[in-house]
């Protein structure tokens, strides 16, 4: 009925329980529950924008991180921390 993941299992459990209670109280209606945690209908433009944002973020991170290590090492050298 459902996979081991709680994201897909919980809505199925709620659906089964609610429909069982509705049948116990002689109701003719039934509930339908679904779960779609992510919107998978992304247009190619949106995907391209997300990709370029991630690439530019990673390039900025790669460019900014090594100088930080160098400054930290120079400060340690000035203080003679080792």
PDB file of N, CA and C in Angstrom:
ATOM      1  N   UNK A   1       0.815  -1.200   0.000  1.00  0.00           N
ATOM      2  CA  UNK A   1       0.000   0.000   0.000  1.00  0.00           C
ATOM      3  C   UNK A   1       0.855   1.259   0.000  1.00  0.00           C
ATOM      4  N   UNK A   2       1.952   1.239   0.748  1.00  0.00           N
ATOM      5  CA  UNK A   2       2.812   2.413   0.769  1.00  0.00           C
ATOM      6  C   UNK A   2       4.241   1.978   0.989  1.00  0.00           C
ATOM      7  N   UNK A   3       5.131   2.844   0.629  1.00  0.00           N
ATOM      8  CA  UNK A   3       6.543   2.535   0.821  1.00  0.00           C
ATOM      9  C   UNK A   3       6.925   2.800   2.280  1.00  0.00           C
ATOM     10  N   UNK A   4       8.168   2.540   2.598  1.00  0.00           N
ATOM     11  CA  UNK A   4       8.627   2.700   3.986  1.00  0.00           C
ATOM     12  C   UNK A   4       8.861   4.160   4.349  1.00  0.00           C
ATOM     13  N   UNK A   5       8.821   5.047   3.374  1.00  0.00           N
ATOM     14  CA  UNK A   5       9.050   6.462   3.661  1.00  0.00           C
ATOM     15  C   UNK A   5       7.810   7.073   4.293  1.00  0.00           C
ATOM     16  N   UNK A   6       8.025   7.896   5.302  1.00  0.00           N
ATOM     17  CA  UNK A   6       6.879   8.485   5.998  1.00  0.00           C
ATOM     18  C   UNK A   6       6.184   9.544   5.163  1.00  0.00           C
ATOM     19  N   UNK A   7       6.867  10.098   4.183  1.00  0.00           N
ATOM     20  CA  UNK A   7       6.256  11.130   3.343  1.00  0.00           C
ATOM     21  C   UNK A   7       5.100  10.556   2.551  1.00  0.00           C
ATOM     22  N   UNK A   8       5.249   9.339   2.041  1.00  0.00           N
ATOM     23  CA  UNK A   8       4.179   8.757   1.242  1.00  0.00           C
ATOM     24  C   UNK A   8       3.272   7.840   2.058  1.00  0.00           C
ATOM     25  N   UNK A   9       3.723   7.372   3.197  1.00  0.00           N
ATOM     26  CA  UNK A   9       2.936   6.426   3.982  1.00  0.00           C
ATOM     27  C   UNK A   9       1.863   7.121   4.821  1.00  0.00           C
ATOM     28  N   UNK A  10       2.156   8.280   5.358  1.00  0.00           N
ATOM     29  CA  UNK A  10       1.197   8.944   6.231  1.00  0.00           C
ATOM     30  C   UNK A  10      -0.102   9.334   5.517  1.00  0.00           C
ATOM     31  N   UNK A  11      -0.056   9.927   4.315  1.00  0.00           N
ATOM     32  CA  UNK A  11      -1.328  10.223   3.645  1.00  0.00           C
ATOM     33  C   UNK A  11      -2.141   8.983   3.323  1.00  0.00           C
ATOM     34  N   UNK A  12      -1.475   7.885   2.983  1.00  0.00           N
ATOM     35  CA  UNK A  12      -2.206   6.645   2.717  1.00  0.00           C
ATOM     36  C   UNK A  12      -2.886   6.146   3.989  1.00  0.00           C
ATOM     37  N   UNK A  13      -2.190   6.212   5.105  1.00  0.00           N
ATOM     38  CA  UNK A  13      -2.770   5.799   6.384  1.00  0.00           C
ATOM     39  C   UNK A  13      -3.969   6.665   6.757  1.00  0.00           C
ATOM     40  N   UNK A  14      -3.850   7.968   6.566  1.00  0.00           N
ATOM     41  CA  UNK A  14      -4.967   8.878   6.859  1.00  0.00           C
ATOM     42  C   UNK A  14      -6.149   8.549   5.964  1.00  0.00           C
ATOM     43  N   UNK A  15      -5.885   8.261   4.707  1.00  0.00           N
ATOM     44  CA  UNK A  15      -6.957   7.922   3.776  1.00  0.00           C
ATOM     45  C   UNK A  15      -7.675   6.646   4.200  1.00  0.00           C
ATOM     46  N   UNK A  16      -6.919   5.637   4.555  1.00  0.00           N
ATOM     47  CA  UNK A  16      -7.525   4.362   4.975  1.00  0.00           C
ATOM     48  C   UNK A  16      -8.353   4.549   6.241  1.00  0.00           C
ATOM     49  N   UNK A  17      -7.792   5.234   7.233  1.00  0.00           N
ATOM     50  CA  UNK A  17      -8.523   5.433   8.487  1.00  0.00           C
ATOM     51  C   UNK A  17      -9.785   6.269   8.295  1.00  0.00           C
ATOM     52  N   UNK A  18      -9.679   7.358   7.527  1.00  0.00           N
ATOM     53  CA  UNK A  18     -10.864   8.203   7.362  1.00  0.00           C
ATOM     54  C   UNK A  18     -11.956   7.491   6.600  1.00  0.00           C
ATOM     55  N   UNK A  19     -11.596   6.765   5.567  1.00  0.00           N
ATOM     56  CA  UNK A  19     -12.623   6.045   4.824  1.00  0.00           C
ATOM     57  C   UNK A  19     -13.229   4.914   5.648  1.00  0.00           C
ATOM     58  N   UNK A  20     -12.432   4.306   6.516  1.00  0.00           N
ATOM     59  CA  UNK A  20     -12.974   3.274   7.409  1.00  0.00           C
ATOM     60  C   UNK A  20     -13.983   3.868   8.379  1.00  0.00           C
ATOM     61  N   UNK A  21     -13.647   5.014   8.965  1.00  0.00           N
ATOM     62  CA  UNK A  21     -14.594   5.664   9.878  1.00  0.00           C
ATOM     63  C   UNK A  21     -15.855   6.127   9.153  1.00  0.00           C
ATOM     64  N   UNK A  22     -15.699   6.592   7.942  1.00  0.00           N
ATOM     65  CA  UNK A  22     -16.884   7.006   7.180  1.00  0.00           C
ATOM     66  C   UNK A  22     -17.793   5.813   6.884  1.00  0.00           C
ATOM     67  N   UNK A  23     -17.202   4.662   6.561  1.00  0.00           N
ATOM     68  CA  UNK A  23     -18.009   3.470   6.305  1.00  0.00           C
ATOM     69  C   UNK A  23     -18.682   2.974   7.585  1.00  0.00           C
ATOM     70  N   UNK A  24     -17.990   3.127   8.730  1.00  0.00           N
ATOM     71  CA  UNK A  24     -18.592   2.709  10.001  1.00  0.00           C
ATOM     72  C   UNK A  24     -19.830   3.532  10.331  1.00  0.00           C
ATOM     73  N   UNK A  25     -19.825   4.787   9.929  1.00  0.00           N
ATOM     74  CA  UNK A  25     -20.964   5.662  10.218  1.00  0.00           C
ATOM     75  C   UNK A  25     -21.944   5.740   9.052  1.00  0.00           C
ATOM     76  N   UNK A  26     -21.880   4.744   8.159  1.00  0.00           N
ATOM     77  CA  UNK A  26     -22.815   4.600   7.035  1.00  0.00           C
ATOM     78  C   UNK A  26     -22.852   5.830   6.130  1.00  0.00           C
ATOM     79  N   UNK A  27     -21.730   6.358   5.839  1.00  0.00           N
ATOM     80  CA  UNK A  27     -21.652   7.494   4.932  1.00  0.00           C
ATOM     81  C   UNK A  27     -21.410   6.988   3.510  1.00  0.00           C
ATOM     82  N   UNK A  28     -21.975   7.694   2.547  1.00  0.00           N
ATOM     83  CA  UNK A  28     -21.795   7.286   1.153  1.00  0.00           C
ATOM     84  C   UNK A  28     -20.609   8.002   0.499  1.00  0.00           C
ATOM     85  N   UNK A  29     -20.074   8.997   1.168  1.00  0.00           N
ATOM     86  CA  UNK A  29     -18.933   9.717   0.600  1.00  0.00           C
ATOM     87  C   UNK A  29     -17.629   9.032   0.983  1.00  0.00           C
ATOM     88  N   UNK A  30     -16.591   9.376   0.299  1.00  0.00           N
ATOM     89  CA  UNK A  30     -15.261   8.878   0.654  1.00  0.00           C
ATOM     90  C   UNK A  30     -14.251   9.988   0.411  1.00  0.00           C
ATOM     91  N   UNK A  31     -13.163   9.891   1.136  1.00  0.00           N
ATOM     92  CA  UNK A  31     -12.096  10.882   1.034  1.00  0.00           C
ATOM     93  C   UNK A  31     -10.967  10.343   0.167  1.00  0.00           C
ATOM     94  N   UNK A  32     -10.339  11.251  -0.514  1.00  0.00           N
ATOM     95  CA  UNK A  32      -9.167  10.891  -1.312  1.00  0.00           C
ATOM     96  C   UNK A  32      -8.023  11.790  -0.870  1.00  0.00           C
ATOM     97  N   UNK A  33      -6.929  11.188  -0.453  1.00  0.00           N
ATOM     98  CA  UNK A  33      -5.777  11.928   0.051  1.00  0.00           C
ATOM     99  C   UNK A  33      -4.600  11.634  -0.865  1.00  0.00           C
ATOM    100  N   UNK A  34      -3.838  12.659  -1.183  1.00  0.00           N
ATOM    101  CA  UNK A  34      -2.637  12.475  -1.982  1.00  0.00           C
ATOM    102  C   UNK A  34      -1.529  13.354  -1.442  1.00  0.00           C
ATOM    103  N   UNK A  35      -0.341  12.992  -1.784  1.00  0.00           N
ATOM    104  CA  UNK A  35       0.818  13.733  -1.314  1.00  0.00           C
ATOM    105  C   UNK A  35       1.770  13.934  -2.479  1.00  0.00           C
ATOM    106  N   UNK A  36       2.086  15.175  -2.739  1.00  0.00           N
ATOM    107  CA  UNK A  36       3.104  15.502  -3.726  1.00  0.00           C
ATOM    108  C   UNK A  36       3.981  16.576  -3.112  1.00  0.00           C
ATOM    109  N   UNK A  37       5.059  16.167  -2.418  1.00  0.00           N
ATOM    110  CA  UNK A  37       5.844  17.143  -1.662  1.00  0.00           C
ATOM    111  C   UNK A  37       6.587  18.154  -2.526  1.00  0.00           C
ATOM    112  N   UNK A  38       6.901  17.792  -3.775  1.00  0.00           N
ATOM    113  CA  UNK A  38       7.648  18.701  -4.631  1.00  0.00           C
ATOM    114  C   UNK A  38       6.908  18.881  -5.941  1.00  0.00           C
ATOM    115  N   UNK A  39       7.006  20.051  -6.491  1.00  0.00           N
ATOM    116  CA  UNK A  39       6.409  20.313  -7.783  1.00  0.00           C
ATOM    117  C   UNK A  39       7.365  19.836  -8.864  1.00  0.00           C
ATOM    118  N   UNK A  40       6.997  18.762  -9.555  1.00  0.00           N
ATOM    119  CA  UNK A  40       7.881  18.184 -10.560  1.00  0.00           C
ATOM    120  C   UNK A  40       7.621  18.745 -11.948  1.00  0.00           C
ATOM    121  N   UNK A  41       6.767  19.719 -12.061  1.00  0.00           N
ATOM    122  CA  UNK A  41       6.429  20.268 -13.365  1.00  0.00           C
ATOM    123  C   UNK A  41       7.167  21.582 -13.584  1.00  0.00           C
ATOM    124  N   UNK A  42       8.475  21.534 -13.522  1.00  0.00           N
ATOM    125  CA  UNK A  42       9.284  22.727 -13.727  1.00  0.00           C
ATOM    126  C   UNK A  42       9.549  22.916 -15.216  1.00  0.00           C
ATOM    127  N   UNK A  43       9.431  24.131 -15.662  1.00  0.00           N
ATOM    128  CA  UNK A  43       9.718  24.424 -17.054  1.00  0.00           C
ATOM    129  C   UNK A  43      11.234  24.430 -17.257  1.00  0.00           C
ATOM    130  N   UNK A  44      11.681  24.257 -18.485  1.00  0.00           N
ATOM    131  CA  UNK A  44      13.129  24.280 -18.736  1.00  0.00           C
ATOM    132  C   UNK A  44      13.787  25.608 -18.340  1.00  0.00           C
ATOM    133  N   UNK A  45      13.063  26.706 -18.456  1.00  0.00           N
ATOM    134  CA  UNK A  45      13.620  28.004 -18.065  1.00  0.00           C
ATOM    135  C   UNK A  45      13.882  28.057 -16.571  1.00  0.00           C
ATOM    136  N   UNK A  46      12.955  27.514 -15.790  1.00  0.00           N
ATOM    137  CA  UNK A  46      13.121  27.501 -14.333  1.00  0.00           C
ATOM    138  C   UNK A  46      14.277  26.590 -13.951  1.00  0.00           C
ATOM    139  N   UNK A  47      14.366  25.435 -14.578  1.00  0.00           N
ATOM    140  CA  UNK A  47      15.479  24.524 -14.297  1.00  0.00           C
ATOM    141  C   UNK A  47      16.815  25.173 -14.638  1.00  0.00           C
ATOM    142  N   UNK A  48      16.866  25.867 -15.773  1.00  0.00           N
ATOM    143  CA  UNK A  48      18.090  26.541 -16.185  1.00  0.00           C
ATOM    144  C   UNK A  48      18.458  27.638 -15.196  1.00  0.00           C
ATOM    145  N   UNK A  49      17.456  28.375 -14.720  1.00  0.00           N
ATOM    146  CA  UNK A  49      17.717  29.435 -13.745  1.00  0.00           C
ATOM    147  C   UNK A  49      18.256  28.860 -12.436  1.00  0.00           C
ATOM    148  N   UNK A  50      17.659  27.786 -11.974  1.00  0.00           N
ATOM    149  CA  UNK A  50      18.127  27.137 -10.744  1.00  0.00           C
ATOM    150  C   UNK A  50      19.545  26.624 -10.926  1.00  0.00           C
ATOM    151  N   UNK A  51      19.816  26.025 -12.075  1.00  0.00           N
ATOM    152  CA  UNK A  51      21.153  25.502 -12.349  1.00  0.00           C
ATOM    153  C   UNK A  51      22.190  26.622 -12.335  1.00  0.00           C
ATOM    154  N   UNK A  52      21.910  27.734 -13.025  1.00  0.00           N
ATOM    155  CA  UNK A  52      22.877  28.823 -13.077  1.00  0.00           C
ATOM    156  C   UNK A  52      23.048  29.492 -11.721  1.00  0.00           C
ATOM    157  N   UNK A  53      21.985  29.552 -10.927  1.00  0.00           N
ATOM    158  CA  UNK A  53      22.111  30.088  -9.581  1.00  0.00           C
ATOM    159  C   UNK A  53      23.039  29.209  -8.749  1.00  0.00           C
ATOM    160  N   UNK A  54      22.849  27.900  -8.815  1.00  0.00           N
ATOM    161  CA  UNK A  54      23.696  26.979  -8.036  1.00  0.00           C
ATOM    162  C   UNK A  54      25.149  27.037  -8.497  1.00  0.00           C
ATOM    163  N   UNK A  55      25.353  27.109  -9.805  1.00  0.00           N
ATOM    164  CA  UNK A  55      26.718  27.179 -10.324  1.00  0.00           C
ATOM    165  C   UNK A  55      27.389  28.477  -9.887  1.00  0.00           C
ATOM    166  N   UNK A  56      26.681  29.598  -9.990  1.00  0.00           N
ATOM    167  CA  UNK A  56      27.285  30.869  -9.583  1.00  0.00           C
ATOM    168  C   UNK A  56      27.553  30.884  -8.081  1.00  0.00           C
ATOM    169  N   UNK A  57      26.680  30.300  -7.287  1.00  0.00           N
ATOM    170  CA  UNK A  57      26.910  30.221  -5.841  1.00  0.00           C
ATOM    171  C   UNK A  57      28.159  29.393  -5.539  1.00  0.00           C
ATOM    172  N   UNK A  58      28.295  28.261  -6.202  1.00  0.00           N
ATOM    173  CA  UNK A  58      29.457  27.410  -5.960  1.00  0.00           C
ATOM    174  C   UNK A  58      30.748  28.093  -6.415  1.00  0.00           C
ATOM    175  N   UNK A  59      30.706  28.807  -7.542  1.00  0.00           N
ATOM    176  CA  UNK A  59      31.900  29.515  -8.006  1.00  0.00           C
ATOM    177  C   UNK A  59      32.301  30.616  -7.026  1.00  0.00           C
ATOM    178  N   UNK A  60      31.330  31.332  -6.494  1.00  0.00           N
ATOM    179  CA  UNK A  60      31.645  32.352  -5.486  1.00  0.00           C
ATOM    180  C   UNK A  60      32.199  31.726  -4.222  1.00  0.00           C
ATOM    181  N   UNK A  61      31.657  30.604  -3.842  1.00  0.00           N
ATOM    182  CA  UNK A  61      32.152  29.909  -2.652  1.00  0.00           C
ATOM    183  C   UNK A  61      33.584  29.433  -2.859  1.00  0.00           C
ATOM    184  N   UNK A  62      33.864  28.855  -4.018  1.00  0.00           N
ATOM    185  CA  UNK A  62      35.200  28.362  -4.313  1.00  0.00           C
ATOM    186  C   UNK A  62      36.194  29.525  -4.386  1.00  0.00           C
ATOM    187  N   UNK A  63      35.743  30.672  -4.890  1.00  0.00           N
ATOM    188  CA  UNK A  63      36.648  31.817  -5.009  1.00  0.00           C
ATOM    189  C   UNK A  63      36.899  32.483  -3.655  1.00  0.00           C
ATOM    190  N   UNK A  64      35.953  32.412  -2.743  1.00  0.00           N
ATOM    191  CA  UNK A  64      36.085  33.128  -1.476  1.00  0.00           C
ATOM    192  C   UNK A  64      36.694  32.291  -0.362  1.00  0.00           C
ATOM    193  N   UNK A  65      36.671  30.992  -0.474  1.00  0.00           N
ATOM    194  CA  UNK A  65      37.132  30.152   0.626  1.00  0.00           C
ATOM    195  C   UNK A  65      38.650  30.090   0.783  1.00  0.00           C
ATOM    196  N   UNK A  66      39.442  29.884  -0.253  1.00  0.00           N
ATOM    197  CA  UNK A  66      40.902  29.806  -0.057  1.00  0.00           C
ATOM    198  C   UNK A  66      41.528  31.049   0.566  1.00  0.00           C
ATOM    199  N   UNK A  67      41.133  32.272   0.187  1.00  0.00           N
ATOM    200  CA  UNK A  67      41.723  33.427   0.882  1.00  0.00           C
ATOM    201  C   UNK A  67      41.420  33.438   2.374  1.00  0.00           C
ATOM    202  N   UNK A  68      40.292  32.927   2.762  1.00  0.00           N
ATOM    203  CA  UNK A  68      39.953  32.868   4.190  1.00  0.00           C
ATOM    204  C   UNK A  68      40.931  31.966   4.937  1.00  0.00           C
ATOM    205  N   UNK A  69      41.293  30.832   4.338  1.00  0.00           N
ATOM    206  CA  UNK A  69      42.276  29.946   4.955  1.00  0.00           C
ATOM    207  C   UNK A  69      43.640  30.615   5.032  1.00  0.00           C
ATOM    208  N   UNK A  70      43.990  31.341   3.977  1.00  0.00           N
ATOM    209  CA  UNK A  70      45.292  32.019   3.965  1.00  0.00           C
ATOM    210  C   UNK A  70      45.358  33.097   5.035  1.00  0.00           C
ATOM    211  N   UNK A  71      44.299  33.887   5.194  1.00  0.00           N
ATOM    212  CA  UNK A  71      44.278  34.936   6.218  1.00  0.00           C
ATOM    213  C   UNK A  71      44.363  34.313   7.600  1.00  0.00           C
ATOM    214  N   UNK A  72      43.675  33.213   7.801  1.00  0.00           N
ATOM    215  CA  UNK A  72      43.710  32.535   9.097  1.00  0.00           C
ATOM    216  C   UNK A  72      45.119  32.028   9.400  1.00  0.00           C
ATOM    217  N   UNK A  73      45.789  31.481   8.393  1.00  0.00           N
ATOM    218  CA  UNK A  73      47.147  30.979   8.601  1.00  0.00           C
ATOM    219  C   UNK A  73      48.111  32.115   8.900  1.00  0.00           C
ATOM    220  N   UNK A  74      47.953  33.233   8.215  1.00  0.00           N
ATOM    221  CA  UNK A  74      48.840  34.382   8.460  1.00  0.00           C
ATOM    222  C   UNK A  74      48.641  34.941   9.867  1.00  0.00           C
ATOM    223  N   UNK A  75      47.403  34.986  10.325  1.00  0.00           N
ATOM    224  CA  UNK A  75      47.156  35.465  11.690  1.00  0.00           C
ATOM    225  C   UNK A  75      47.779  34.523  12.706  1.00  0.00           C
ATOM    226  N   UNK A  76      47.682  33.220  12.459  1.00  0.00           N
ATOM    227  CA  UNK A  76      48.323  32.263  13.354  1.00  0.00           C
ATOM    228  C   UNK A  76      49.835  32.431  13.355  1.00  0.00           C
ATOM    229  N   UNK A  77      50.411  32.721  12.185  1.00  0.00           N
ATOM    230  CA  UNK A  77      51.854  32.906  12.077  1.00  0.00           C
ATOM    231  C   UNK A  77      52.300  34.161  12.828  1.00  0.00           C
ATOM    232  N   UNK A  78      51.505  35.249  12.733  1.00  0.00           N
ATOM    233  CA  UNK A  78      51.849  36.496  13.416  1.00  0.00           C
ATOM    234  C   UNK A  78      51.799  36.341  14.936  1.00  0.00           C
ATOM    235  N   UNK A  79      50.824  35.579  15.406  1.00  0.00           N
ATOM    236  CA  UNK A  79      50.650  35.390  16.840  1.00  0.00           C
ATOM    237  C   UNK A  79      51.593  34.302  17.363  1.00  0.00           C
ATOM    238  N   UNK A  80      52.153  33.525  16.444  1.00  0.00           N
ATOM    239  CA  UNK A  80      52.998  32.375  16.763  1.00  0.00           C
ATOM    240  C   UNK A  80      52.231  31.385  17.643  1.00  0.00           C
ATOM    241  N   UNK A  81      51.111  30.956  17.077  1.00  0.00           N
ATOM    242  CA  UNK A  81      50.203  30.115  17.865  1.00  0.00           C
ATOM    243  C   UNK A  81      50.664  28.672  17.981  1.00  0.00           C
ATOM    244  N   UNK A  82      51.634  28.229  17.214  1.00  0.00           N
ATOM    245  CA  UNK A  82      52.113  26.856  17.355  1.00  0.00           C
ATOM    246  C   UNK A  82      53.504  26.890  17.825  1.00  0.00           C
TER     247      UNK A  82
END
